[in-house]
Protein backbone atom coordinates (compact mmCIF):
# COMPACT_ATOMS: atom_id res chain seq x y z
CA MET A 1 25.81 -15.75 -26.69
CA TYR A 2 24.37 -16.73 -23.35
CA LYS A 3 24.06 -20.33 -22.25
CA VAL A 4 21.15 -21.51 -20.17
CA LEU A 5 21.05 -24.90 -18.34
CA VAL A 6 17.72 -26.49 -17.50
CA THR A 7 18.04 -29.40 -15.03
CA ASP A 8 14.39 -30.25 -14.23
CA SER A 9 11.32 -31.19 -16.19
CA ILE A 10 10.03 -27.86 -17.44
CA SER A 11 7.59 -27.09 -20.26
CA ASP A 12 9.29 -26.71 -23.64
CA THR A 13 6.45 -24.50 -24.74
CA GLY A 14 7.17 -22.22 -21.82
CA LEU A 15 10.87 -22.12 -22.72
CA LYS A 16 10.07 -21.21 -26.34
CA ALA A 17 11.21 -17.61 -25.95
CA LEU A 18 14.70 -18.72 -24.95
CA TYR A 19 14.82 -21.42 -27.61
CA ASP A 20 13.95 -18.87 -30.30
CA HIS A 21 16.22 -16.05 -29.07
CA PRO A 22 19.34 -15.60 -31.20
CA ASN A 23 21.47 -14.63 -28.21
CA PHE A 24 20.63 -17.67 -26.07
CA THR A 25 21.31 -21.38 -26.27
CA VAL A 26 19.40 -23.74 -24.03
CA ASP A 27 20.63 -27.16 -22.81
CA LYS A 28 17.92 -29.24 -21.15
CA LYS A 29 19.50 -32.00 -19.09
CA SER A 30 17.10 -33.32 -16.46
CA GLY A 31 17.97 -36.09 -14.01
CA LEU A 32 21.63 -35.12 -13.51
CA SER A 33 23.36 -35.82 -10.23
CA PRO A 34 24.88 -32.86 -8.38
CA GLU A 35 28.44 -34.15 -9.45
CA GLU A 36 27.33 -34.28 -13.08
CA ILE A 37 25.96 -30.75 -12.87
CA LYS A 38 29.23 -29.46 -11.29
CA GLU A 39 31.25 -30.98 -14.18
CA ILE A 40 29.44 -28.83 -16.75
CA PHE A 41 28.31 -25.87 -14.63
CA LYS A 42 31.23 -23.49 -15.29
CA ASP A 43 30.16 -22.70 -18.79
CA TYR A 44 26.57 -21.52 -18.08
CA ASP A 45 25.21 -18.03 -17.46
CA ALA A 46 21.78 -18.99 -16.13
CA LEU A 47 20.22 -22.08 -14.50
CA ILE A 48 16.51 -22.90 -14.53
CA VAL A 49 15.11 -25.41 -12.05
CA ARG A 50 11.84 -26.55 -10.46
CA SER A 51 11.95 -28.36 -7.14
CA GLN A 52 14.09 -31.45 -7.99
CA THR A 53 17.51 -29.82 -8.31
CA GLN A 54 19.06 -28.79 -5.03
CA VAL A 55 20.98 -25.64 -5.72
CA THR A 56 23.42 -25.83 -2.82
CA GLU A 57 26.40 -23.67 -1.88
CA ASP A 58 28.68 -26.44 -3.10
CA LEU A 59 27.00 -26.50 -6.42
CA LEU A 60 27.07 -22.74 -6.75
CA ASN A 61 30.79 -22.65 -5.96
CA ALA A 62 31.35 -24.71 -9.16
CA ALA A 63 29.81 -21.97 -11.27
CA GLU A 64 32.18 -19.54 -12.89
CA LYS A 65 29.97 -17.44 -15.19
CA LEU A 66 26.49 -17.93 -13.51
CA ARG A 67 24.55 -14.71 -13.11
CA VAL A 68 20.97 -15.98 -12.58
CA VAL A 69 19.26 -18.97 -10.93
CA ALA A 70 15.55 -19.09 -11.95
CA ARG A 71 12.93 -21.15 -10.10
CA ALA A 72 10.08 -22.03 -12.44
CA GLY A 73 7.54 -21.67 -9.60
CA VAL A 74 7.04 -19.78 -6.40
CA GLY A 75 8.97 -21.38 -3.55
CA VAL A 76 12.82 -21.38 -3.46
CA ASP A 77 13.36 -23.84 -0.63
CA ASN A 78 15.69 -25.88 -2.88
CA ILE A 79 17.98 -22.89 -3.55
CA ASP A 80 20.61 -21.62 -1.16
CA VAL A 81 19.66 -17.95 -1.61
CA ASN A 82 22.34 -16.67 0.86
CA ALA A 83 25.05 -18.53 -0.94
CA ALA A 84 23.80 -17.19 -4.29
CA THR A 85 23.79 -13.63 -2.85
CA LYS A 86 27.32 -13.95 -1.55
CA LYS A 87 28.44 -14.86 -5.10
CA GLY A 88 26.49 -12.01 -6.63
CA ILE A 89 24.06 -14.48 -8.33
CA LEU A 90 20.51 -13.26 -8.78
CA VAL A 91 17.73 -15.68 -7.75
CA ILE A 92 14.41 -15.20 -9.47
CA ASN A 93 10.98 -16.94 -9.41
CA ALA A 94 7.55 -16.74 -10.97
CA PRO A 95 5.18 -15.60 -8.23
CA GLY A 96 2.15 -14.63 -10.33
CA ALA A 97 2.06 -17.44 -12.87
CA ASN A 98 -0.12 -19.78 -10.78
CA THR A 99 -2.80 -17.20 -9.86
CA ILE A 100 -5.51 -18.54 -12.20
CA ALA A 101 -4.71 -22.20 -11.47
CA ALA A 102 -4.91 -21.62 -7.67
CA ALA A 103 -8.10 -19.61 -7.99
CA GLU A 104 -9.78 -22.27 -10.16
CA HIS A 105 -8.62 -25.02 -7.80
CA THR A 106 -10.19 -23.14 -4.95
CA MET A 107 -13.48 -22.97 -6.85
CA ALA A 108 -13.21 -26.65 -7.73
CA MET A 109 -12.70 -27.55 -4.11
CA MET A 110 -15.59 -25.28 -3.02
CA LEU A 111 -17.95 -26.84 -5.47
CA SER A 112 -16.85 -30.39 -4.63
CA LEU A 113 -17.34 -29.59 -0.94
CA ALA A 114 -20.82 -28.10 -1.56
CA ARG A 115 -22.01 -30.98 -3.63
CA ARG A 116 -19.96 -33.77 -2.00
CA ILE A 117 -18.72 -34.86 -5.44
CA PRO A 118 -15.71 -37.01 -4.40
CA HIS A 119 -17.80 -38.96 -1.89
CA ALA A 120 -20.61 -39.48 -4.40
CA HIS A 121 -18.09 -40.60 -7.00
CA MET A 122 -16.51 -43.16 -4.66
CA SER A 123 -19.94 -44.58 -3.65
CA THR A 124 -21.26 -44.79 -7.22
CA SER A 125 -18.08 -46.34 -8.62
CA ALA A 126 -18.30 -48.97 -5.85
CA GLY A 127 -21.67 -50.04 -7.28
CA ASN A 128 -24.00 -48.06 -5.01
CA TRP A 129 -26.84 -45.80 -6.18
CA ASP A 130 -27.70 -43.67 -3.15
CA ARG A 131 -28.98 -40.27 -4.19
CA ASN A 132 -30.22 -39.34 -0.77
CA ALA A 133 -26.87 -39.76 0.97
CA PHE A 134 -25.17 -36.95 -0.93
CA LYS A 135 -27.54 -34.01 -0.68
CA GLY A 136 -25.49 -30.85 -1.01
CA VAL A 137 -25.92 -27.07 -0.81
CA GLU A 138 -25.94 -24.34 -3.40
CA LEU A 139 -23.37 -21.58 -3.68
CA TYR A 140 -26.10 -19.17 -4.80
CA GLU A 141 -26.86 -16.46 -2.27
CA LYS A 142 -24.37 -17.92 0.18
CA THR A 143 -21.79 -15.67 1.91
CA LEU A 144 -18.16 -16.36 1.13
CA GLY A 145 -15.46 -15.00 3.45
CA ILE A 146 -12.13 -14.60 1.71
CA ILE A 147 -9.21 -14.10 4.11
CA GLY A 148 -6.44 -12.53 2.01
CA MET A 149 -7.44 -10.26 -0.88
CA GLY A 150 -4.21 -10.48 -2.92
CA LYS A 151 -4.11 -11.62 -6.51
CA ILE A 152 -5.51 -15.09 -5.88
CA GLY A 153 -8.15 -13.91 -3.43
CA ALA A 154 -9.29 -11.30 -5.86
CA GLU A 155 -9.59 -13.86 -8.67
CA VAL A 156 -11.60 -16.15 -6.35
CA SER A 157 -13.96 -13.24 -5.53
CA LYS A 158 -14.59 -12.58 -9.26
CA ARG A 159 -15.54 -16.18 -9.86
CA ALA A 160 -17.66 -16.60 -6.72
CA LYS A 161 -19.61 -13.45 -7.57
CA LYS A 162 -20.67 -15.09 -10.85
CA PHE A 163 -22.17 -17.90 -8.73
CA GLY A 164 -24.34 -15.28 -6.99
CA MET A 165 -22.35 -15.35 -3.76
CA LYS A 166 -21.99 -12.41 -1.40
CA ILE A 167 -18.27 -11.71 -0.76
CA LEU A 168 -16.77 -10.54 2.50
CA GLY A 169 -13.09 -9.80 2.13
CA TYR A 170 -10.44 -9.35 4.82
CA ASP A 171 -6.92 -8.11 4.16
CA PRO A 172 -4.82 -5.73 6.26
CA TYR A 173 -4.25 -3.68 3.08
CA LEU A 174 -7.80 -3.75 1.74
CA THR A 175 -9.29 -0.28 1.62
CA GLU A 176 -12.97 0.60 1.38
CA ASP A 177 -12.37 2.12 -2.05
CA ARG A 178 -10.73 -1.00 -3.46
CA ALA A 179 -13.45 -3.19 -1.88
CA ASN A 180 -16.10 -1.06 -3.57
CA GLN A 181 -14.28 -1.27 -6.87
CA MET A 182 -14.23 -5.06 -6.61
CA GLY A 183 -17.91 -5.18 -5.62
CA ILE A 184 -17.26 -6.83 -2.26
CA THR A 185 -17.67 -5.88 1.40
CA LYS A 186 -14.60 -5.14 3.52
CA ALA A 187 -14.89 -7.12 6.74
CA THR A 188 -12.99 -8.05 9.85
CA LEU A 189 -11.96 -11.57 10.65
CA ASP A 190 -14.70 -11.77 13.30
CA GLU A 191 -17.31 -10.42 10.89
CA ILE A 192 -16.32 -13.17 8.38
CA ALA A 193 -16.65 -15.78 11.21
CA GLU A 194 -20.11 -14.60 12.20
CA ALA A 195 -21.58 -14.33 8.67
CA ALA A 196 -19.82 -16.61 6.23
CA ASP A 197 -21.25 -19.85 4.96
CA PHE A 198 -17.84 -20.64 3.33
CA ILE A 199 -14.44 -19.40 4.31
CA THR A 200 -11.39 -19.61 2.06
CA VAL A 201 -7.84 -18.48 3.05
CA HIS A 202 -5.40 -16.83 0.60
CA THR A 203 -2.72 -15.32 2.87
CA PRO A 204 1.02 -15.95 3.25
CA LEU A 205 2.12 -18.06 6.14
CA THR A 206 3.46 -15.56 8.72
CA LYS A 207 3.89 -15.38 12.52
CA ASP A 208 0.46 -13.71 12.57
CA THR A 209 -1.32 -16.11 10.21
CA LYS A 210 0.04 -19.36 11.58
CA GLY A 211 -2.86 -21.09 13.28
CA LEU A 212 -5.16 -18.24 12.32
CA ILE A 213 -8.06 -20.74 11.96
CA ASN A 214 -7.97 -22.34 15.40
CA ASP A 215 -10.39 -23.56 18.05
CA ASP A 216 -11.17 -20.00 19.20
CA TYR A 217 -11.84 -18.83 15.68
CA LEU A 218 -13.97 -21.84 14.76
CA ALA A 219 -16.11 -21.30 17.90
CA LYS A 220 -17.04 -17.83 16.46
CA THR A 221 -18.09 -19.21 13.10
CA LYS A 222 -21.64 -20.08 11.98
CA LYS A 223 -22.47 -23.71 12.80
CA GLY A 224 -22.09 -25.71 9.59
CA VAL A 225 -19.43 -23.46 8.03
CA ARG A 226 -17.42 -24.91 5.18
CA ILE A 227 -13.68 -24.16 4.98
CA ILE A 228 -11.22 -24.24 2.07
CA ASN A 229 -7.39 -23.87 2.13
CA CYS A 230 -5.44 -23.76 -1.07
CA ALA A 231 -2.92 -21.23 0.21
CA ARG A 232 -0.35 -22.47 2.77
CA GLY A 233 -0.33 -25.26 5.24
CA GLY A 234 -0.30 -24.10 8.83
CA ILE A 235 -2.72 -21.24 8.48
CA ILE A 236 -5.33 -23.69 9.65
CA ASP A 237 -4.68 -25.64 12.84
CA GLU A 238 -5.38 -29.17 11.53
CA ASN A 239 -6.22 -30.66 14.91
CA ALA A 240 -8.64 -27.79 15.63
CA LEU A 241 -10.24 -28.39 12.23
CA VAL A 242 -10.69 -32.07 12.98
CA ARG A 243 -12.38 -31.15 16.25
CA GLY A 244 -14.67 -28.77 14.42
CA LEU A 245 -15.55 -31.44 11.90
CA ASN A 246 -16.28 -34.01 14.63
CA SER A 247 -18.53 -31.64 16.52
CA GLY A 248 -20.43 -30.47 13.43
CA GLN A 249 -19.37 -26.89 13.90
CA VAL A 250 -17.61 -27.32 10.54
CA ALA A 251 -19.81 -29.07 8.01
CA GLY A 252 -16.92 -29.82 5.63
CA ALA A 253 -13.35 -28.89 4.78
CA ALA A 254 -11.47 -28.92 1.44
CA ILE A 255 -7.71 -28.87 2.03
CA ASP A 256 -4.96 -28.75 -0.59
CA VAL A 257 -2.04 -27.73 1.63
CA PHE A 258 -0.92 -29.16 4.96
CA GLU A 259 1.18 -28.36 8.00
CA THR A 260 3.67 -31.08 6.94
CA GLU A 261 3.93 -32.41 3.38
CA PRO A 262 3.41 -35.13 2.38
CA ALA A 263 0.39 -34.87 4.62
CA SER A 264 0.43 -37.08 7.73
CA ASN A 265 -2.66 -36.10 9.80
CA GLN A 266 -4.64 -39.29 9.31
CA GLU A 267 -7.68 -37.98 11.22
CA LEU A 268 -7.98 -35.18 8.74
CA LEU A 269 -7.06 -37.23 5.67
CA SER A 270 -9.62 -39.88 6.37
CA HIS A 271 -12.44 -37.73 7.71
CA PRO A 272 -15.74 -38.37 6.01
CA ASN A 273 -16.49 -34.69 5.72
CA ALA A 274 -13.12 -33.67 4.36
CA ILE A 275 -11.78 -33.43 0.77
CA VAL A 276 -8.04 -33.50 0.44
CA THR A 277 -5.69 -33.06 -2.54
CA PRO A 278 -1.85 -33.23 -2.67
CA HIS A 279 -0.93 -29.54 -3.13
CA LEU A 280 -2.38 -29.26 -6.64
CA GLY A 281 -3.00 -25.50 -6.62
CA ALA A 282 -0.50 -24.82 -9.42
CA SER A 283 -0.72 -28.17 -11.11
CA THR A 284 -2.14 -27.32 -14.52
CA VAL A 285 -0.55 -27.57 -17.91
CA GLU A 286 -1.09 -23.88 -18.41
CA ALA A 287 0.32 -22.84 -15.00
CA GLN A 288 3.50 -24.91 -15.68
CA GLU A 289 3.81 -23.24 -19.11
CA LYS A 290 3.28 -19.78 -17.53
CA VAL A 291 6.02 -20.23 -14.90
CA ALA A 292 8.51 -21.29 -17.62
CA GLN A 293 7.38 -18.37 -19.81
CA GLU A 294 7.72 -15.96 -16.96
CA VAL A 295 11.26 -16.91 -15.99
CA SER A 296 12.28 -17.19 -19.61
CA ALA A 297 11.12 -13.65 -20.28
CA GLU A 298 12.82 -12.31 -17.18
CA ILE A 299 16.12 -14.06 -18.03
CA ILE A 300 16.06 -12.35 -21.41
CA ASP A 301 15.29 -9.03 -19.82
CA ILE A 302 18.07 -9.40 -17.25
CA PHE A 303 20.74 -10.13 -19.83
CA GLU A 304 19.51 -7.79 -22.51
CA THR A 305 18.20 -4.74 -20.61
CA ASP A 306 19.20 -5.22 -16.90
CA SER A 307 15.48 -5.22 -16.03
CA ILE A 308 14.61 -7.24 -12.92
CA ARG A 309 11.04 -7.87 -11.63
CA HIS A 310 10.93 -10.96 -9.46
CA ALA A 311 14.24 -11.22 -7.64
CA ILE A 312 14.36 -13.07 -4.33
CA ASN A 313 17.72 -11.44 -3.43
CA MET A 314 19.16 -8.03 -4.11
CA PRO A 315 22.14 -7.41 -6.31
CA GLN A 316 25.04 -6.25 -4.11
CA VAL A 317 25.66 -2.58 -3.73
CA SER A 318 29.20 -1.26 -3.87
CA GLY A 319 31.46 -2.43 -1.13
CA GLU A 320 32.22 1.21 -0.02
CA THR A 321 28.56 2.19 0.15
CA GLN A 322 27.58 -1.06 1.91
CA LYS A 323 30.29 -0.60 4.51
CA LYS A 324 29.29 2.97 5.23
CA LEU A 325 25.54 2.33 5.43
CA GLN A 326 25.43 -1.28 6.79
CA PRO A 327 24.77 -0.31 10.44
CA PHE A 328 21.89 1.89 9.29
CA ILE A 329 20.57 -0.83 6.91
CA ASP A 330 20.49 -3.31 9.80
CA LEU A 331 18.81 -0.76 12.00
CA GLY A 332 16.35 0.39 9.28
CA GLU A 333 14.76 -3.03 8.93
CA GLN A 334 14.41 -3.22 12.72
CA VAL A 335 12.76 0.20 12.78
CA GLY A 336 10.24 -0.95 10.08
CA ILE A 337 9.44 -4.19 11.90
CA LEU A 338 8.88 -2.38 15.23
CA ALA A 339 6.90 0.51 13.69
CA ILE A 340 4.30 -1.72 11.96
CA GLN A 341 3.72 -3.56 15.32
CA LEU A 342 3.38 -0.24 17.15
CA LEU A 343 0.76 0.92 14.60
CA LYS A 344 -1.14 -2.42 15.00
CA GLN A 345 -2.70 -2.21 11.50
CA ALA A 346 -1.62 -1.85 7.87
CA PRO A 347 -0.41 1.68 7.02
CA GLU A 348 -2.09 3.93 4.41
CA LYS A 349 0.86 6.27 4.19
CA ILE A 350 4.57 6.01 5.06
CA GLU A 351 6.93 8.98 5.70
CA ILE A 352 10.69 8.53 5.94
CA ASN A 353 12.92 11.43 6.95
CA TYR A 354 16.78 11.40 6.87
CA TYR A 355 18.83 14.03 8.68
CA GLY A 356 22.49 15.02 8.88
CA ASN A 357 25.13 13.03 7.14
CA LEU A 358 22.63 10.32 6.33
CA ALA A 359 20.65 12.76 4.19
CA LYS A 360 23.68 13.24 1.91
CA GLU A 361 23.87 9.54 0.91
CA ASP A 362 21.97 7.60 -1.76
CA ASN A 363 19.43 6.00 0.59
CA ASP A 364 17.43 3.95 -1.90
CA PHE A 365 18.76 0.67 -0.45
CA LEU A 366 18.11 1.88 3.14
CA THR A 367 14.58 3.04 2.21
CA ARG A 368 13.86 -0.32 0.63
CA THR A 369 15.15 -2.14 3.74
CA MET A 370 12.90 -0.08 6.02
CA ILE A 371 9.80 -0.67 3.84
CA LYS A 372 10.69 -4.38 3.65
CA GLY A 373 10.54 -4.49 7.43
CA ILE A 374 7.09 -2.93 7.38
CA LEU A 375 5.56 -5.12 4.63
CA SER A 376 7.11 -8.40 5.89
CA HIS A 377 4.80 -8.27 8.94
CA HIS A 378 1.79 -9.03 6.72
CA LEU A 379 3.33 -10.37 3.47
CA SER A 380 6.09 -12.54 4.96
CA ASP A 381 8.80 -13.90 2.65
CA SER A 382 7.04 -12.64 -0.52
CA VAL A 383 8.80 -9.31 0.14
CA ASN A 384 12.38 -8.81 -1.03
CA MET A 385 14.60 -5.86 -1.81
CA ILE A 386 13.74 -5.84 -5.50
CA ASN A 387 9.93 -6.07 -5.34
CA VAL A 388 9.35 -4.09 -2.13
CA LEU A 389 8.29 -0.84 -3.83
CA HIS A 390 6.21 -2.68 -6.37
CA LEU A 391 4.37 -4.51 -3.59
CA LEU A 392 3.91 -1.24 -1.72
CA ASN A 393 2.22 0.23 -4.76
CA ASP A 394 0.13 -2.97 -5.16
CA GLN A 395 -1.19 -2.38 -1.64
CA GLY A 396 -2.09 1.20 -2.41
CA VAL A 397 0.25 2.61 0.20
CA SER A 398 1.77 6.02 -0.55
CA PHE A 399 5.24 6.87 0.75
CA ASN A 400 7.43 9.99 0.85
CA VAL A 401 11.14 10.33 1.58
CA THR A 402 12.74 13.66 2.58
CA ASN A 403 16.40 14.44 3.03
CA ASN A 404 17.47 17.26 5.33
CA PRO A 405 21.22 17.72 5.74
CA THR A 406 20.62 19.77 8.91
CA SER A 407 21.49 17.87 12.01
CA LYS A 408 18.69 16.87 14.35
CA GLY A 409 20.66 16.30 17.50
CA PHE A 410 22.75 13.46 15.91
CA ALA A 411 25.28 13.32 13.12
CA SER A 412 23.01 10.91 11.26
CA TYR A 413 19.39 10.34 12.17
CA MET A 414 16.36 8.65 10.54
CA GLU A 415 12.71 8.80 11.42
CA LEU A 416 9.87 6.57 10.17
CA THR A 417 6.17 7.48 10.58
CA LEU A 418 3.32 5.24 9.60
CA TYR A 419 -0.28 6.57 9.19
CA ASN A 420 -3.69 4.93 9.07
CA GLY A 421 -6.54 7.37 9.30
CA ASN A 422 -6.11 9.30 12.61
CA ASP A 423 -3.69 6.72 13.93
CA SER A 424 0.04 6.95 13.58
CA ALA A 425 3.27 5.40 14.90
CA SER A 426 6.65 6.97 14.74
CA ILE A 427 10.21 5.71 15.51
CA GLY A 428 13.44 7.70 15.30
CA ALA A 429 16.82 5.99 15.34
CA THR A 430 20.53 6.52 14.98
CA ILE A 431 23.93 4.87 15.36
CA LEU A 432 25.93 6.26 18.26
CA ASN A 433 29.69 5.94 17.90
CA GLY A 434 30.95 3.53 20.61
CA TYR A 435 27.41 2.47 21.59
CA GLY A 436 25.80 1.09 18.36
CA ALA A 437 22.15 1.16 17.29
CA ARG A 438 19.69 3.18 19.28
CA ILE A 439 16.01 3.99 19.11
CA VAL A 440 15.84 7.55 20.36
CA LYS A 441 12.23 8.42 19.69
CA MET A 442 8.95 6.44 19.98
CA ASN A 443 5.88 8.42 18.96
CA GLU A 444 6.34 11.85 20.52
CA TYR A 445 8.59 10.70 23.38
CA SER A 446 12.37 10.77 23.53
CA VAL A 447 13.99 7.54 24.73
CA ASP A 448 17.31 5.73 24.47
CA VAL A 449 16.71 2.04 23.72
CA ARG A 450 19.00 -0.52 22.06
CA PRO A 451 16.73 -2.69 19.89
CA GLU A 452 16.61 -6.23 21.24
CA ARG A 453 14.43 -9.19 20.47
CA PHE A 454 11.76 -8.68 23.14
CA LEU A 455 10.54 -5.17 23.95
CA LEU A 456 7.58 -4.04 26.04
CA TYR A 457 5.98 -0.66 25.21
CA ILE A 458 3.72 0.84 27.92
CA GLU A 459 1.66 4.03 27.86
CA HIS A 460 0.84 5.31 31.32
CA HIS A 461 0.24 8.34 33.51
CA ASP A 462 3.33 9.71 35.10
CA VAL A 463 2.55 8.97 38.74
CA PRO A 464 4.85 7.84 41.61
CA GLY A 465 5.41 4.08 41.98
CA MET A 466 4.48 3.11 38.39
CA ILE A 467 7.87 1.75 37.51
CA GLY A 468 8.03 -0.38 40.65
CA ARG A 469 4.61 -1.91 40.13
CA VAL A 470 5.41 -2.86 36.51
CA GLY A 471 8.68 -4.42 37.65
CA SER A 472 6.86 -6.37 40.45
CA ILE A 473 4.33 -7.76 37.99
CA LEU A 474 7.03 -8.88 35.56
CA GLY A 475 9.06 -10.38 38.39
CA SER A 476 6.01 -12.36 39.69
CA HIS A 477 5.83 -14.00 36.24
CA GLN A 478 9.56 -14.78 36.19
CA ILE A 479 10.30 -12.22 33.48
CA ASN A 480 13.70 -10.55 33.74
CA ILE A 481 14.08 -6.87 32.72
CA GLY A 482 17.20 -6.07 30.68
CA THR A 483 16.79 -2.31 30.50
CA MET A 484 14.06 0.24 31.19
CA GLN A 485 13.59 3.66 29.62
CA VAL A 486 10.96 6.23 30.52
CA GLY A 487 9.84 9.11 28.30
CA ARG A 488 7.41 11.89 29.24
CA ALA A 489 6.29 15.19 27.85
CA GLU A 490 5.88 16.83 31.27
CA ALA A 491 6.00 15.81 34.91
CA GLY A 492 2.69 14.21 35.98
CA GLY A 493 1.38 14.01 32.39
CA GLU A 494 1.29 11.18 29.83
CA ALA A 495 4.39 9.07 29.60
CA ILE A 496 5.75 5.84 28.12
CA MET A 497 7.91 3.03 29.46
CA VAL A 498 10.08 0.90 27.12
CA LEU A 499 11.60 -2.28 28.59
CA THR A 500 13.87 -4.90 27.01
CA LEU A 501 13.03 -8.35 28.32
CA ASP A 502 14.63 -11.78 28.36
CA LYS A 503 11.53 -13.59 27.08
CA LYS A 504 8.13 -13.04 25.47
CA VAL A 505 5.25 -11.62 27.40
CA ASP A 506 2.12 -13.85 27.35
CA ASP A 507 -1.49 -12.76 27.41
CA GLU A 508 -1.77 -13.38 31.19
CA VAL A 509 1.07 -10.94 31.94
CA ALA A 510 -0.36 -8.35 29.62
CA LYS A 511 -3.73 -8.69 31.35
CA ASP A 512 -2.18 -8.15 34.76
CA LEU A 513 -0.38 -5.05 33.51
CA VAL A 514 -3.43 -3.52 31.88
CA GLU A 515 -5.40 -3.84 35.04
CA MET A 516 -3.01 -1.50 36.86
CA ASP A 517 -4.40 1.92 37.78
CA GLY A 518 -2.82 4.66 35.65
CA LEU A 519 -1.67 2.36 32.85
CA ARG A 520 -3.32 3.12 29.52
CA ALA A 521 -1.93 0.53 27.04
CA VAL A 522 0.54 -2.32 26.87
CA GLN A 523 2.11 -3.64 23.67
CA PHE A 524 4.67 -6.38 23.21
CA LEU A 525 7.03 -5.80 20.34
CA GLU A 526 9.34 -8.47 18.90
CA LEU A 527 12.19 -8.66 16.43
CA PRO A 528 12.62 -11.97 14.56
CA ASN A 529 15.69 -14.08 15.21
CA GLU A 530 17.39 -12.93 12.06
CA ASN A 531 16.90 -9.28 13.06
CA ILE A 532 18.51 -9.52 16.50
CA PRO A 533 20.92 -6.60 16.22
CA VAL A 534 24.70 -6.94 15.88
CA TYR A 535 26.64 -4.34 17.83
CA HIS A 536 28.15 -1.60 15.76
CA GLY A 537 30.64 0.50 17.62
């Protein structure tokens, strides 16, 4: 018999599968203090929470039998995932249960924006009867730009098509075939700006999507565009949006999520052409039932069949395997992060090759780590070690892994290649005894680079003085060079330069470099803070 503790207000209908299961007992005790939970925690096998209960390391340390913490929702900010992982406790959530609710809220916001319904309601309820003040626009035959064609974006497109709207969809993983199957047009961000009457965003919040809708982007849009955000706060620069509303470049905005919550940007909240709601995307009776149903079903599967679908963390591998592979696991994620930046677009195909001693190991964990590094660039924290292959399949990306026990110049060596059409990016890496992690190949060139946070990749003609000129430009911008590596196929031909830097290169520096004679391309590569390498001797 497994015992489940529920400490937040969660739908009993959604928990029905657990209530009815003969092998589970459910205790629902909402409103407990942390100390009260700790007193009873040792007897439970699973914990279900929403956002109220703070699942801290201190709380987890009081657990003796706990195997699963389930978040009946998407975010896990209230759960110390690292502490749970250290204790071997699985953390799961319900990422797909709010899809319909979020899509319908987007449509509700779009319709309210088009017909100015909240403003008309407030005026009429105040005793006014002013039909001319609230003239709206129709959705019919308007162009809707959807930025982010994941599950929610796809559901929005289905509903908008029923209104007779033309759909332009952008997503780094959206292919022409999938767009055709959905009956939409694949578009770039700029094409959406130029053509869309309405723009709605449905992407994760990542380094690349933060401030995606900013002053520069709004300047490219059609005058009078209407903008909706029911995805993540921060994707739209709120101050830029206010400026767009004030100038009339943006006719109206409907915003459900904010850069800080509770929302505090009074200019936006009180703007006469804005509609705002307090993060209601998943706030339906049905969605709250679905999240409870989803985590209930997964808890049953975990205990009864060891089946895991929506884990935030990864069950620990054996200590011996982890100790042996850990340096390569750290390096593998770095290789994935750098390779996707080098490709500069989403891959259609991934090839991973292991050589030497590494090819003799079970590399499933290492493979997942590398692919996690690739997908995290566009999908952010929605990617984890459990769902990474499922997400890869969702994006329609094929991948192939080969193992060759023959040495390729190193005792253990791995090589990752990403393809998109005729474009490709390749990185080879190894661990050198006494020296640690090394990137030893970038595209077709041999190098010897220790992965560090800031890297500069330069393609150039192999002519005298090139290295000195690059160094002079960086020095003039107060950028210090840590190391420099040059790779070339033949003297006087095409070559690359890879530099480790002390800080990030801005657009002005890149512009100065690109203008150099003989220099073909400049690309800044960056590893996130958590991926700054640890030395492995």
